[in-house]
Amino acid sequence: MALVYFIITFTLSWKIWSNTDVIISWFETDEVFQRISILLLLTNLFGYKSNVTQALEHTYPTLVGFYLASRQVYGALAFQYGFCARRWCIVEPGRGD
């Protein structure tokens, strides 16, 4: 049972951390929005990890809440970067840029 407990909690925390690493690697924009989103993601990871010790007994809804909040931050990042790429970064054909 302890192995299952470890796998559940470690996998979700690793997913948060690795997705943060991928976002930073893909979009190396040194802007305020990215810094705030990284701060939010690290805060969610801290909240997730602080609830791990009692996750399967008492704090499971809080644990899931922090994980879902981090997924919403990733969704906001994907929307923001997709909007930026579509609006400003794509060169229109025939412009010669």
N, C-alpha and C. Protein backbone atom coordinates (compact mmCIF):
# COMPACT_ATOMS: atom_id res chain seq x y z
N MET A 1 0.82 -1.19 0.00
CA MET A 1 0.00 0.00 0.00
C MET A 1 0.86 1.26 0.00
N ALA A 2 1.99 1.18 0.67
CA ALA A 2 2.87 2.35 0.72
C ALA A 2 3.44 2.67 -0.66
N LEU A 3 3.69 1.64 -1.46
CA LEU A 3 4.21 1.87 -2.81
C LEU A 3 3.16 2.57 -3.68
N VAL A 4 1.91 2.17 -3.56
CA VAL A 4 0.83 2.81 -4.31
C VAL A 4 0.68 4.27 -3.89
N TYR A 5 0.75 4.52 -2.59
CA TYR A 5 0.68 5.88 -2.06
C TYR A 5 1.81 6.74 -2.62
N PHE A 6 3.02 6.20 -2.65
CA PHE A 6 4.16 6.92 -3.18
C PHE A 6 4.00 7.20 -4.66
N ILE A 7 3.55 6.22 -5.42
CA ILE A 7 3.40 6.39 -6.87
C ILE A 7 2.36 7.46 -7.19
N ILE A 8 1.24 7.44 -6.47
CA ILE A 8 0.19 8.43 -6.73
C ILE A 8 0.69 9.84 -6.46
N THR A 9 1.29 10.06 -5.31
CA THR A 9 1.71 11.42 -4.95
C THR A 9 2.92 11.88 -5.75
N PHE A 10 3.87 10.98 -6.00
CA PHE A 10 5.07 11.38 -6.73
C PHE A 10 4.76 11.67 -8.19
N THR A 11 3.89 10.86 -8.79
CA THR A 11 3.57 11.06 -10.21
C THR A 11 2.92 12.42 -10.46
N LEU A 12 1.98 12.80 -9.61
CA LEU A 12 1.32 14.09 -9.81
C LEU A 12 2.27 15.25 -9.57
N SER A 13 3.13 15.15 -8.55
CA SER A 13 4.07 16.24 -8.31
C SER A 13 5.12 16.30 -9.42
N TRP A 14 5.54 15.16 -9.94
CA TRP A 14 6.50 15.15 -11.05
C TRP A 14 5.87 15.75 -12.30
N LYS A 15 4.59 15.51 -12.51
CA LYS A 15 3.89 16.08 -13.67
C LYS A 15 3.86 17.61 -13.59
N ILE A 16 3.60 18.15 -12.41
CA ILE A 16 3.60 19.61 -12.24
C ILE A 16 4.99 20.16 -12.53
N TRP A 17 6.01 19.52 -11.96
CA TRP A 17 7.38 20.02 -12.12
C TRP A 17 7.87 19.89 -13.56
N SER A 18 7.61 18.77 -14.21
CA SER A 18 8.10 18.58 -15.58
C SER A 18 7.36 19.48 -16.56
N ASN A 19 6.07 19.72 -16.35
CA ASN A 19 5.35 20.65 -17.23
C ASN A 19 5.88 22.07 -17.08
N THR A 20 6.23 22.45 -15.86
CA THR A 20 6.84 23.77 -15.66
C THR A 20 8.16 23.87 -16.40
N ASP A 21 8.95 22.82 -16.35
CA ASP A 21 10.23 22.80 -17.05
C ASP A 21 10.03 22.90 -18.57
N VAL A 22 9.03 22.21 -19.09
CA VAL A 22 8.76 22.25 -20.53
C VAL A 22 8.30 23.65 -20.95
N ILE A 23 7.43 24.26 -20.17
CA ILE A 23 6.96 25.63 -20.49
C ILE A 23 8.13 26.60 -20.52
N ILE A 24 9.01 26.50 -19.55
CA ILE A 24 10.17 27.41 -19.51
C ILE A 24 11.09 27.15 -20.69
N SER A 25 11.29 25.89 -21.06
CA SER A 25 12.19 25.56 -22.16
C SER A 25 11.63 25.97 -23.52
N TRP A 26 10.34 25.78 -23.72
CA TRP A 26 9.74 26.11 -25.01
C TRP A 26 9.64 27.60 -25.25
N PHE A 27 9.18 28.32 -24.24
CA PHE A 27 8.93 29.74 -24.41
C PHE A 27 9.86 30.51 -23.48
N GLU A 28 11.01 30.82 -23.96
CA GLU A 28 11.98 31.54 -23.13
C GLU A 28 11.75 33.04 -23.24
N THR A 29 10.53 33.43 -22.96
CA THR A 29 10.21 34.86 -22.95
C THR A 29 10.43 35.37 -21.55
N ASP A 30 11.18 36.41 -21.44
CA ASP A 30 11.47 36.98 -20.13
C ASP A 30 10.49 38.11 -19.87
N GLU A 31 9.22 37.74 -19.71
CA GLU A 31 8.18 38.74 -19.52
C GLU A 31 7.50 38.53 -18.17
N VAL A 32 6.72 39.50 -17.79
CA VAL A 32 6.08 39.49 -16.48
C VAL A 32 5.06 38.36 -16.37
N PHE A 33 4.31 38.10 -17.44
CA PHE A 33 3.30 37.05 -17.40
C PHE A 33 3.92 35.69 -17.12
N GLN A 34 5.06 35.40 -17.75
CA GLN A 34 5.71 34.12 -17.51
C GLN A 34 6.24 34.04 -16.08
N ARG A 35 6.78 35.10 -15.57
CA ARG A 35 7.30 35.08 -14.20
C ARG A 35 6.17 34.89 -13.18
N ILE A 36 5.05 35.55 -13.41
CA ILE A 36 3.91 35.39 -12.50
C ILE A 36 3.35 33.97 -12.59
N SER A 37 3.28 33.43 -13.80
CA SER A 37 2.75 32.07 -13.94
C SER A 37 3.69 31.04 -13.30
N ILE A 38 4.99 31.23 -13.40
CA ILE A 38 5.93 30.33 -12.74
C ILE A 38 5.79 30.44 -11.23
N LEU A 39 5.58 31.65 -10.73
CA LEU A 39 5.35 31.83 -9.30
C LEU A 39 4.07 31.12 -8.86
N LEU A 40 3.00 31.21 -9.65
CA LEU A 40 1.76 30.51 -9.33
C LEU A 40 1.95 29.00 -9.36
N LEU A 41 2.69 28.51 -10.35
CA LEU A 41 2.91 27.07 -10.44
C LEU A 41 3.75 26.55 -9.27
N LEU A 42 4.76 27.29 -8.88
CA LEU A 42 5.57 26.86 -7.74
C LEU A 42 4.78 26.96 -6.44
N THR A 43 3.88 27.93 -6.33
CA THR A 43 3.00 28.01 -5.16
C THR A 43 2.05 26.82 -5.12
N ASN A 44 1.51 26.44 -6.28
CA ASN A 44 0.65 25.26 -6.33
C ASN A 44 1.43 24.00 -5.99
N LEU A 45 2.66 23.90 -6.46
CA LEU A 45 3.49 22.73 -6.13
C LEU A 45 3.78 22.68 -4.65
N PHE A 46 4.05 23.83 -4.04
CA PHE A 46 4.29 23.87 -2.60
C PHE A 46 3.04 23.47 -1.82
N GLY A 47 1.89 23.98 -2.23
CA GLY A 47 0.64 23.59 -1.59
C GLY A 47 0.33 22.12 -1.76
N TYR A 48 0.64 21.59 -2.94
CA TYR A 48 0.44 20.16 -3.19
C TYR A 48 1.34 19.34 -2.28
N LYS A 49 2.60 19.70 -2.23
CA LYS A 49 3.56 18.92 -1.44
C LYS A 49 3.31 19.05 0.07
N SER A 50 2.76 20.16 0.52
CA SER A 50 2.47 20.29 1.95
C SER A 50 1.28 19.45 2.37
N ASN A 51 0.43 19.06 1.43
CA ASN A 51 -0.72 18.21 1.74
C ASN A 51 -0.48 16.73 1.45
N VAL A 52 0.71 16.37 1.01
CA VAL A 52 1.00 14.99 0.66
C VAL A 52 1.03 14.08 1.88
N THR A 53 1.49 14.57 3.00
CA THR A 53 1.69 13.70 4.15
C THR A 53 0.40 13.06 4.65
N GLN A 54 -0.71 13.77 4.55
CA GLN A 54 -2.01 13.24 4.98
C GLN A 54 -2.97 13.09 3.81
N ALA A 55 -2.45 12.85 2.62
CA ALA A 55 -3.27 12.91 1.41
C ALA A 55 -4.36 11.85 1.37
N LEU A 56 -4.04 10.64 1.68
CA LEU A 56 -5.04 9.58 1.55
C LEU A 56 -5.96 9.48 2.76
N GLU A 57 -5.66 10.20 3.84
CA GLU A 57 -6.53 10.16 5.01
C GLU A 57 -7.44 11.38 5.11
N HIS A 58 -6.86 12.60 5.03
CA HIS A 58 -7.64 13.80 5.35
C HIS A 58 -7.64 14.86 4.25
N THR A 59 -6.54 15.08 3.61
CA THR A 59 -6.39 16.26 2.74
C THR A 59 -6.45 15.93 1.25
N TYR A 60 -7.08 14.84 0.87
CA TYR A 60 -7.13 14.47 -0.54
C TYR A 60 -7.83 15.52 -1.41
N PRO A 61 -8.98 16.08 -1.00
CA PRO A 61 -9.60 17.12 -1.85
C PRO A 61 -8.71 18.35 -2.04
N THR A 62 -7.98 18.74 -1.01
CA THR A 62 -7.06 19.88 -1.14
C THR A 62 -5.92 19.54 -2.08
N LEU A 63 -5.42 18.31 -1.99
CA LEU A 63 -4.35 17.86 -2.88
C LEU A 63 -4.80 17.91 -4.33
N VAL A 64 -5.97 17.40 -4.61
CA VAL A 64 -6.51 17.42 -5.97
C VAL A 64 -6.78 18.86 -6.41
N GLY A 65 -7.23 19.71 -5.49
CA GLY A 65 -7.47 21.11 -5.83
C GLY A 65 -6.21 21.84 -6.27
N PHE A 66 -5.11 21.61 -5.57
CA PHE A 66 -3.85 22.23 -5.99
C PHE A 66 -3.39 21.70 -7.34
N TYR A 67 -3.59 20.42 -7.59
CA TYR A 67 -3.20 19.86 -8.88
C TYR A 67 -4.05 20.45 -10.00
N LEU A 68 -5.36 20.55 -9.78
CA LEU A 68 -6.23 21.13 -10.81
C LEU A 68 -5.96 22.61 -11.02
N ALA A 69 -5.59 23.32 -9.96
CA ALA A 69 -5.22 24.73 -10.12
C ALA A 69 -3.97 24.87 -10.98
N SER A 70 -3.02 23.98 -10.80
CA SER A 70 -1.82 24.05 -11.65
C SER A 70 -2.16 23.73 -13.09
N ARG A 71 -3.09 22.81 -13.33
CA ARG A 71 -3.50 22.51 -14.70
C ARG A 71 -4.21 23.72 -15.33
N GLN A 72 -4.96 24.49 -14.54
CA GLN A 72 -5.60 25.69 -15.06
C GLN A 72 -4.57 26.76 -15.41
N VAL A 73 -3.52 26.86 -14.63
CA VAL A 73 -2.45 27.80 -14.97
C VAL A 73 -1.78 27.38 -16.28
N TYR A 74 -1.56 26.08 -16.48
CA TYR A 74 -1.01 25.61 -17.76
C TYR A 74 -1.94 25.93 -18.91
N GLY A 75 -3.24 25.80 -18.69
CA GLY A 75 -4.20 26.15 -19.74
C GLY A 75 -4.16 27.63 -20.08
N ALA A 76 -4.02 28.47 -19.06
CA ALA A 76 -3.91 29.91 -19.30
C ALA A 76 -2.62 30.24 -20.05
N LEU A 77 -1.54 29.55 -19.71
CA LEU A 77 -0.28 29.76 -20.43
C LEU A 77 -0.40 29.35 -21.89
N ALA A 78 -1.03 28.20 -22.14
CA ALA A 78 -1.20 27.75 -23.52
C ALA A 78 -2.06 28.73 -24.31
N PHE A 79 -3.11 29.24 -23.70
CA PHE A 79 -3.96 30.22 -24.37
C PHE A 79 -3.19 31.50 -24.66
N GLN A 80 -2.43 31.98 -23.68
CA GLN A 80 -1.71 33.24 -23.85
C GLN A 80 -0.63 33.10 -24.92
N TYR A 81 0.13 32.00 -24.90
CA TYR A 81 1.18 31.83 -25.90
C TYR A 81 0.60 31.55 -27.28
N GLY A 82 -0.51 30.83 -27.34
CA GLY A 82 -1.17 30.61 -28.62
C GLY A 82 -1.72 31.89 -29.20
N PHE A 83 -2.29 32.75 -28.36
CA PHE A 83 -2.80 34.03 -28.82
C PHE A 83 -1.66 34.92 -29.31
N CYS A 84 -0.55 34.91 -28.60
CA CYS A 84 0.61 35.71 -29.00
C CYS A 84 1.15 35.22 -30.33
N ALA A 85 1.27 33.92 -30.50
CA ALA A 85 1.81 33.39 -31.74
C ALA A 85 0.89 33.69 -32.92
N ARG A 86 -0.38 33.64 -32.68
CA ARG A 86 -1.30 33.89 -33.77
C ARG A 86 -1.38 35.36 -34.11
N ARG A 87 -1.30 36.21 -33.11
CA ARG A 87 -1.51 37.63 -33.34
C ARG A 87 -0.25 38.37 -33.80
N TRP A 88 0.89 38.08 -33.16
CA TRP A 88 2.07 38.89 -33.42
C TRP A 88 3.23 38.14 -34.06
N CYS A 89 3.35 36.88 -33.83
CA CYS A 89 4.56 36.18 -34.23
C CYS A 89 4.51 35.53 -35.60
N ILE A 90 3.34 35.31 -36.13
CA ILE A 90 3.24 34.67 -37.45
C ILE A 90 3.36 35.72 -38.53
N VAL A 91 4.26 35.48 -39.46
CA VAL A 91 4.45 36.41 -40.56
C VAL A 91 3.46 36.06 -41.67
N GLU A 92 2.74 37.05 -42.13
CA GLU A 92 1.78 36.82 -43.19
C GLU A 92 2.51 36.62 -44.51
N PRO A 93 2.00 35.71 -45.36
CA PRO A 93 2.65 35.48 -46.65
C PRO A 93 2.58 36.73 -47.53
N GLY A 94 3.65 37.00 -48.22
CA GLY A 94 3.68 38.12 -49.13
C GLY A 94 4.17 39.42 -48.51
N ARG A 95 4.43 39.43 -47.20
CA ARG A 95 4.91 40.65 -46.57
C ARG A 95 6.41 40.82 -46.72
N GLY A 96 7.13 39.70 -46.94
CA GLY A 96 8.56 39.80 -47.17
C GLY A 96 9.38 39.91 -45.89
N ASP A 97 8.78 39.67 -44.73
CA ASP A 97 9.52 39.77 -43.48
C ASP A 97 10.28 38.51 -43.22
